[in-house]
Amino acid sequence: MSKLVAALASAALVLSSAAIAQDKFPSRPVTLIVPFAAGGSTDIVARLVAAKMSEGLGQQVIVENRAGAGGNLGANLVAKASPDGYTILMGTVATHALNPAMSRKMPYDAVADFAPVSLLAIVPNVLIVNNNFPAKSVKELIAELKKAPGRYSYASSGLGTPLHLSGEMFKTMTGTDMVHVPYRGSGPALTDLMAGQVQIQFDNLPSASQLIAAGKVRGLAVTTKERAASMPDLPTMDEAGIAQYETYTWNALFAPAKTPKEVVARLNAEANKALSDPNVQARMKEYSATVVGSTPEQLASHVRAELAKWDPIAKATGATID
């Protein structure tokens, strides 16, 4: 009987220690994996939120860029990470909707392998061109592309990203042809666009807006249903003549599946608290990113809805990342 009592006491001690460890989360820095290169929209949102979350958590949230495979490389690192809350992901529509729709060789399950934390922001996309490119409007761009099918290239932040799909939708809906050049994030793509290595780019508005405003690239249209508050002079694709054209991206926090609910709840609280900060909201507004904030359950529903939405669109365009 004494052995049983000892065993029960030992088990209780283990459970108590685990509870204390959870209560003390985080006791060391948290790594936030951004699955794209530095300088892009996802990176900008991540760094804004991470800075404020660090204050609330009392531990630094370190942003680590792990670009590759259209976001799959970084997302897979988090999917396979220890489910303790110390490695989390800045997920996007690419990692959790588009890539699963365009690949038969996904290294992770967008639903089963993650614990949703919070939907942070929804971000418009924008069509931009090199300043030396002859087209000054979407109509002129279409005409130029039809004069020289396959001659021009468009850049995106990677295979399977919303920007890749934006370009493929554009080609399908306008009957034009241009070569897709995927990069490891918006930053490198923008550098080559300004240098004239590529002529056209679909980008997230947050990463391109300052370059448009500075006259370093030419904005032609935003890809959302309504004009962007930060770029009110840019027409929508629909206004520019491509009826019912709409693409956008979103950013959300995910932890590995089986992360303790208490840890997810703490991350959720600090993420939503960060989004309520006036300075964060002001910066997001500058980039025309719409601040959201959600419960884990709402993010889970959002992911399921996005998977259902983008799968038929990806198939209709024929876009693939395999």
Protein backbone atom coordinates (compact mmCIF):
# COMPACT_ATOMS: atom_id res chain seq x y z
CA MET A 1 0.00 0.00 0.00
CA SER A 2 2.87 2.35 0.78
CA LYS A 3 4.20 1.87 -2.77
CA LEU A 4 0.84 2.92 -4.20
CA VAL A 5 0.76 5.99 -1.98
CA ALA A 6 4.29 6.89 -3.04
CA ALA A 7 3.40 6.45 -6.71
CA LEU A 8 0.33 8.65 -6.35
CA ALA A 9 2.34 11.27 -4.52
CA SER A 10 4.97 11.20 -7.24
CA ALA A 11 2.31 11.58 -9.97
CA ALA A 12 0.75 14.48 -8.10
CA LEU A 13 4.13 16.15 -7.84
CA VAL A 14 4.68 15.79 -11.60
CA LEU A 15 1.25 17.24 -12.36
CA SER A 16 1.83 20.06 -9.91
CA SER A 17 5.20 20.85 -11.48
CA ALA A 18 3.65 20.88 -14.95
CA ALA A 19 0.93 23.24 -13.78
CA ILE A 20 3.48 25.56 -12.22
CA ALA A 21 5.54 25.51 -15.43
CA GLN A 22 2.46 26.42 -17.44
CA ASP A 23 1.55 29.16 -14.99
CA LYS A 24 4.99 30.65 -15.45
CA PHE A 25 4.80 30.68 -19.25
CA PRO A 26 6.85 32.20 -20.71
CA SER A 27 10.00 31.67 -18.71
CA ARG A 28 12.27 32.29 -21.71
CA PRO A 29 12.08 34.11 -25.08
CA VAL A 30 9.47 33.07 -27.64
CA THR A 31 10.48 32.60 -31.29
CA LEU A 32 8.02 33.89 -33.87
CA ILE A 33 8.74 32.28 -37.22
CA VAL A 34 7.97 34.45 -40.26
CA PRO A 35 7.95 32.10 -43.27
CA PHE A 36 9.02 34.83 -45.72
CA ALA A 37 12.02 37.11 -46.15
CA ALA A 38 12.44 40.31 -44.15
CA GLY A 39 10.86 43.47 -45.52
CA GLY A 40 7.57 42.03 -46.72
CA SER A 41 4.06 42.58 -45.38
CA THR A 42 4.08 39.51 -43.13
CA ASP A 43 7.42 40.56 -41.65
CA ILE A 44 6.16 44.11 -41.00
CA VAL A 45 3.03 42.91 -39.19
CA ALA A 46 5.05 40.34 -37.23
CA ARG A 47 7.55 42.87 -35.92
CA LEU A 48 4.84 45.35 -34.91
CA VAL A 49 2.95 42.72 -32.95
CA ALA A 50 6.03 40.97 -31.54
CA ALA A 51 7.37 44.17 -29.99
CA LYS A 52 4.15 44.76 -28.05
CA MET A 53 3.71 41.11 -27.13
CA SER A 54 7.21 41.16 -25.64
CA GLU A 55 6.12 43.88 -23.24
CA GLY A 56 3.05 41.96 -22.13
CA LEU A 57 4.71 38.56 -21.84
CA GLY A 58 7.74 39.87 -19.98
CA GLN A 59 9.93 37.90 -22.36
CA GLN A 60 11.23 38.88 -25.77
CA VAL A 61 9.34 37.63 -28.82
CA ILE A 62 12.12 37.10 -31.35
CA VAL A 63 11.15 37.34 -35.02
CA GLU A 64 13.01 34.79 -37.12
CA ASN A 65 12.66 34.82 -40.92
CA ARG A 66 12.68 31.30 -42.39
CA ALA A 67 11.77 31.80 -46.03
CA GLY A 68 11.33 29.08 -48.62
CA ALA A 69 8.80 26.94 -50.48
CA GLY A 70 6.20 29.70 -50.57
CA GLY A 71 6.00 29.77 -46.78
CA ASN A 72 5.89 26.00 -46.30
CA LEU A 73 9.43 25.76 -44.93
CA GLY A 74 8.80 28.05 -41.97
CA ALA A 75 5.29 26.75 -41.36
CA ASN A 76 6.54 23.18 -41.28
CA LEU A 77 9.22 24.10 -38.72
CA VAL A 78 6.48 25.28 -36.38
CA ALA A 79 4.22 22.32 -37.14
CA LYS A 80 7.05 20.00 -36.05
CA ALA A 81 8.19 22.13 -33.09
CA SER A 82 7.67 21.23 -29.45
CA PRO A 83 4.09 22.16 -28.47
CA ASP A 84 5.08 24.39 -25.57
CA GLY A 85 4.33 27.87 -26.96
CA TYR A 86 7.97 28.87 -27.39
CA THR A 87 7.93 28.47 -31.17
CA ILE A 88 4.98 30.07 -32.96
CA LEU A 89 4.12 30.99 -36.54
CA MET A 90 3.02 34.12 -38.35
CA GLY A 91 0.73 32.23 -40.70
CA THR A 92 -0.87 33.62 -43.83
CA VAL A 93 -3.46 32.76 -46.44
CA ALA A 94 -0.55 31.14 -48.30
CA THR A 95 0.54 28.76 -45.53
CA HIS A 96 -2.99 27.84 -44.48
CA ALA A 97 -5.15 28.03 -47.61
CA LEU A 98 -3.36 28.55 -50.93
CA ASN A 99 -0.46 26.14 -50.55
CA PRO A 100 -2.74 23.28 -49.46
CA ALA A 101 -4.94 24.05 -52.49
CA MET A 102 -2.01 24.06 -54.93
CA SER A 103 0.14 21.19 -53.68
CA ARG A 104 -0.25 17.45 -53.36
CA LYS A 105 2.99 17.24 -51.39
CA MET A 106 2.27 19.40 -48.36
CA PRO A 107 4.70 18.69 -45.48
CA TYR A 108 2.03 19.54 -42.89
CA ASP A 109 -1.74 19.60 -42.40
CA ALA A 110 -2.95 23.22 -42.20
CA VAL A 111 -5.69 22.25 -39.73
CA ALA A 112 -4.50 19.22 -37.77
CA ASP A 113 -0.90 20.32 -37.17
CA PHE A 114 -1.60 23.74 -35.64
CA ALA A 115 -3.28 25.31 -32.64
CA PRO A 116 -4.91 28.57 -33.81
CA VAL A 117 -4.10 31.60 -31.64
CA SER A 118 -5.48 34.81 -33.21
CA LEU A 119 -6.34 36.33 -36.58
CA LEU A 120 -4.35 39.57 -36.56
CA ALA A 121 -4.94 41.52 -39.76
CA ILE A 122 -6.31 41.48 -43.30
CA VAL A 123 -4.07 43.08 -45.91
CA PRO A 124 -4.80 44.35 -49.45
CA ASN A 125 -2.60 43.42 -52.40
CA VAL A 126 -1.46 45.86 -55.08
CA LEU A 127 -0.32 45.69 -58.71
CA ILE A 128 2.87 47.68 -59.31
CA VAL A 129 5.30 48.13 -62.21
CA ASN A 130 8.83 49.40 -62.76
CA ASN A 131 8.90 53.16 -63.37
CA ASN A 132 10.35 52.64 -66.87
CA PHE A 133 7.59 50.25 -67.89
CA PRO A 134 5.40 51.91 -70.54
CA ALA A 135 2.02 51.08 -68.97
CA LYS A 136 0.56 53.71 -66.66
CA SER A 137 -2.77 51.97 -66.08
CA VAL A 138 -4.18 48.45 -65.91
CA LYS A 139 -5.76 48.94 -69.35
CA GLU A 140 -2.40 49.93 -70.84
CA LEU A 141 -0.71 47.00 -69.08
CA ILE A 142 -3.15 44.53 -70.63
CA ALA A 143 -2.59 46.06 -74.07
CA GLU A 144 1.21 45.84 -73.66
CA LEU A 145 1.05 42.21 -72.54
CA LYS A 146 -1.17 41.27 -75.48
CA LYS A 147 1.28 42.89 -77.90
CA ALA A 148 4.14 40.73 -76.58
CA PRO A 149 2.87 37.48 -74.98
CA GLY A 150 5.45 35.93 -72.65
CA ARG A 151 7.92 38.79 -73.04
CA TYR A 152 7.42 40.34 -69.62
CA SER A 153 7.88 38.88 -66.13
CA TYR A 154 5.95 39.41 -62.92
CA ALA A 155 7.41 38.92 -59.48
CA SER A 156 5.78 37.49 -56.37
CA SER A 157 6.97 36.69 -52.86
CA GLY A 158 6.98 32.98 -53.62
CA LEU A 159 5.21 30.00 -55.14
CA GLY A 160 1.75 29.51 -53.71
CA THR A 161 1.53 32.95 -52.12
CA PRO A 162 -1.50 35.22 -52.61
CA LEU A 163 0.71 37.32 -54.88
CA HIS A 164 1.43 34.31 -57.11
CA LEU A 165 -2.28 33.56 -57.33
CA SER A 166 -3.01 37.25 -57.95
CA GLY A 167 -0.82 37.09 -61.06
CA GLU A 168 -2.32 33.85 -62.31
CA MET A 169 -5.84 35.20 -61.83
CA PHE A 170 -4.85 38.34 -63.73
CA LYS A 171 -3.57 36.26 -66.65
CA THR A 172 -6.70 34.08 -66.70
CA MET A 173 -9.18 36.95 -66.45
CA THR A 174 -7.44 39.17 -69.03
CA GLY A 175 -6.27 36.54 -71.50
CA THR A 176 -2.65 37.66 -71.19
CA ASP A 177 0.64 35.84 -70.74
CA MET A 178 3.61 36.78 -68.58
CA VAL A 179 6.31 34.75 -66.85
CA HIS A 180 6.09 34.20 -63.09
CA VAL A 181 9.33 34.81 -61.14
CA PRO A 182 8.98 33.68 -57.50
CA TYR A 183 11.20 35.24 -54.81
CA ARG A 184 11.85 34.36 -51.18
CA GLY A 185 9.74 37.29 -50.00
CA SER A 186 8.52 40.73 -51.08
CA GLY A 187 11.75 42.52 -50.12
CA PRO A 188 14.01 40.82 -52.70
CA ALA A 189 11.26 41.03 -55.32
CA LEU A 190 10.86 44.78 -54.82
CA THR A 191 14.62 45.27 -55.13
CA ASP A 192 14.65 43.55 -58.51
CA LEU A 193 11.51 45.38 -59.65
CA MET A 194 13.14 48.75 -58.97
CA ALA A 195 16.30 47.58 -60.75
CA GLY A 196 14.31 46.48 -63.79
CA GLN A 197 15.14 42.77 -63.48
CA VAL A 198 11.38 42.17 -63.54
CA GLN A 199 8.81 44.61 -64.88
CA ILE A 200 5.63 43.81 -62.95
CA GLN A 201 4.86 42.72 -59.40
CA PHE A 202 1.89 41.76 -57.29
CA ASP A 203 2.72 42.69 -53.71
CA ASN A 204 1.10 43.25 -50.33
CA LEU A 205 0.25 46.94 -49.95
CA PRO A 206 2.09 47.34 -46.59
CA SER A 207 5.48 46.47 -48.08
CA ALA A 208 4.95 48.41 -51.34
CA SER A 209 3.12 51.52 -50.10
CA GLN A 210 6.17 53.57 -49.09
CA LEU A 211 7.89 52.86 -52.41
CA ILE A 212 4.75 53.90 -54.29
CA ALA A 213 4.46 57.08 -52.24
CA ALA A 214 8.17 57.85 -52.83
CA GLY A 215 7.77 57.39 -56.57
CA LYS A 216 10.21 54.47 -56.72
CA VAL A 217 7.63 52.14 -58.27
CA ARG A 218 4.33 52.85 -60.03
CA GLY A 219 1.10 51.61 -58.48
CA LEU A 220 -1.66 50.62 -60.93
CA ALA A 221 -4.45 49.15 -58.80
CA VAL A 222 -5.32 47.49 -55.49
CA THR A 223 -6.81 44.02 -55.57
CA THR A 224 -9.57 44.42 -52.99
CA LYS A 225 -13.22 45.35 -53.56
CA GLU A 226 -12.72 48.82 -52.10
CA ARG A 227 -9.93 51.37 -52.46
CA ALA A 228 -7.23 51.41 -49.79
CA ALA A 229 -7.40 54.25 -47.27
CA SER A 230 -3.64 54.85 -47.51
CA MET A 231 -3.70 54.98 -51.33
CA PRO A 232 -7.08 56.55 -52.21
CA ASP A 233 -5.94 57.51 -55.72
CA LEU A 234 -5.28 53.91 -56.73
CA PRO A 235 -8.33 52.32 -58.39
CA THR A 236 -9.49 48.81 -57.62
CA MET A 237 -9.05 46.11 -60.24
CA ASP A 238 -12.79 46.18 -60.76
CA GLU A 239 -12.72 49.93 -61.39
CA ALA A 240 -9.77 49.42 -63.74
CA GLY A 241 -11.85 47.09 -65.91
CA ILE A 242 -11.35 43.58 -64.50
CA ALA A 243 -14.79 42.82 -63.07
CA GLN A 244 -15.01 40.77 -59.85
CA TYR A 245 -11.23 40.53 -59.44
CA GLU A 246 -10.34 40.26 -55.75
CA THR A 247 -7.39 38.87 -53.80
CA TYR A 248 -5.93 39.72 -50.41
CA THR A 249 -3.85 38.20 -47.67
CA TRP A 250 -4.16 37.86 -43.91
CA ASN A 251 -1.83 37.31 -40.98
CA ALA A 252 -2.53 35.10 -38.00
CA LEU A 253 -0.67 33.51 -35.11
CA PHE A 254 -0.48 29.72 -34.79
CA ALA A 255 1.21 27.42 -32.31
CA PRO A 256 1.98 23.73 -32.85
CA ALA A 257 -0.92 21.34 -32.32
CA LYS A 258 -1.31 20.05 -28.76
CA THR A 259 0.06 23.25 -27.25
CA PRO A 260 -1.62 23.52 -23.80
CA LYS A 261 -4.82 25.54 -23.86
CA GLU A 262 -3.51 27.75 -21.06
CA VAL A 263 -0.48 28.69 -23.15
CA VAL A 264 -2.62 29.35 -26.24
CA ALA A 265 -4.92 31.51 -24.12
CA ARG A 266 -1.97 33.57 -22.85
CA LEU A 267 -0.59 34.07 -26.36
CA ASN A 268 -4.05 35.01 -27.59
CA ALA A 269 -4.54 37.56 -24.82
CA GLU A 270 -1.19 39.22 -25.45
CA ALA A 271 -1.64 39.24 -29.24
CA ASN A 272 -5.05 40.88 -28.99
CA LYS A 273 -3.73 43.30 -26.39
CA ALA A 274 -0.94 44.25 -28.81
CA LEU A 275 -3.49 44.89 -31.56
CA SER A 276 -5.43 47.25 -29.29
CA ASP A 277 -2.37 49.47 -28.78
CA PRO A 278 -2.97 52.87 -30.44
CA ASN A 279 0.53 52.99 -31.93
CA VAL A 280 0.16 49.53 -33.47
CA GLN A 281 -3.24 50.46 -34.88
CA ALA A 282 -1.84 53.69 -36.33
CA ARG A 283 1.03 51.85 -38.02
CA MET A 284 -1.34 49.24 -39.40
CA LYS A 285 -3.56 51.99 -40.78
CA GLU A 286 -0.58 53.57 -42.54
CA TYR A 287 -0.23 50.34 -44.49
CA SER A 288 -4.00 49.90 -45.02
CA ALA A 289 -3.96 46.70 -42.98
CA THR A 290 -7.29 46.08 -41.25
CA VAL A 291 -6.75 45.07 -37.61
CA VAL A 292 -8.90 42.10 -36.59
CA GLY A 293 -8.02 40.17 -33.42
CA SER A 294 -9.97 36.99 -32.67
CA THR A 295 -10.42 34.00 -30.43
CA PRO A 296 -8.64 30.74 -31.32
CA GLU A 297 -12.02 29.28 -32.28
CA GLN A 298 -12.76 32.15 -34.66
CA LEU A 299 -9.38 31.70 -36.34
CA ALA A 300 -10.05 27.98 -36.72
CA SER A 301 -13.34 28.75 -38.47
CA HIS A 302 -11.61 31.34 -40.64
CA VAL A 303 -9.01 28.82 -41.81
CA ARG A 304 -11.68 26.27 -42.73
CA ALA A 305 -13.61 28.92 -44.67
CA GLU A 306 -10.46 30.08 -46.51
CA LEU A 307 -9.58 26.51 -47.49
CA ALA A 308 -13.07 26.06 -48.93
CA LYS A 309 -12.88 29.41 -50.75
CA TRP A 310 -9.43 29.21 -52.37
CA ASP A 311 -9.35 25.54 -53.37
CA PRO A 312 -11.71 25.96 -56.37
CA ILE A 313 -10.03 29.26 -57.36
CA ALA A 314 -6.58 27.65 -57.40
CA LYS A 315 -7.90 24.78 -59.50
CA ALA A 316 -9.60 27.18 -61.93
CA THR A 317 -6.35 29.08 -62.56
CA GLY A 318 -4.29 25.92 -62.86
CA ALA A 319 -1.72 27.32 -60.41
CA THR A 320 0.51 24.73 -58.76
CA ILE A 321 3.58 24.75 -56.51
CA ASP A 322 4.62 21.12 -57.05
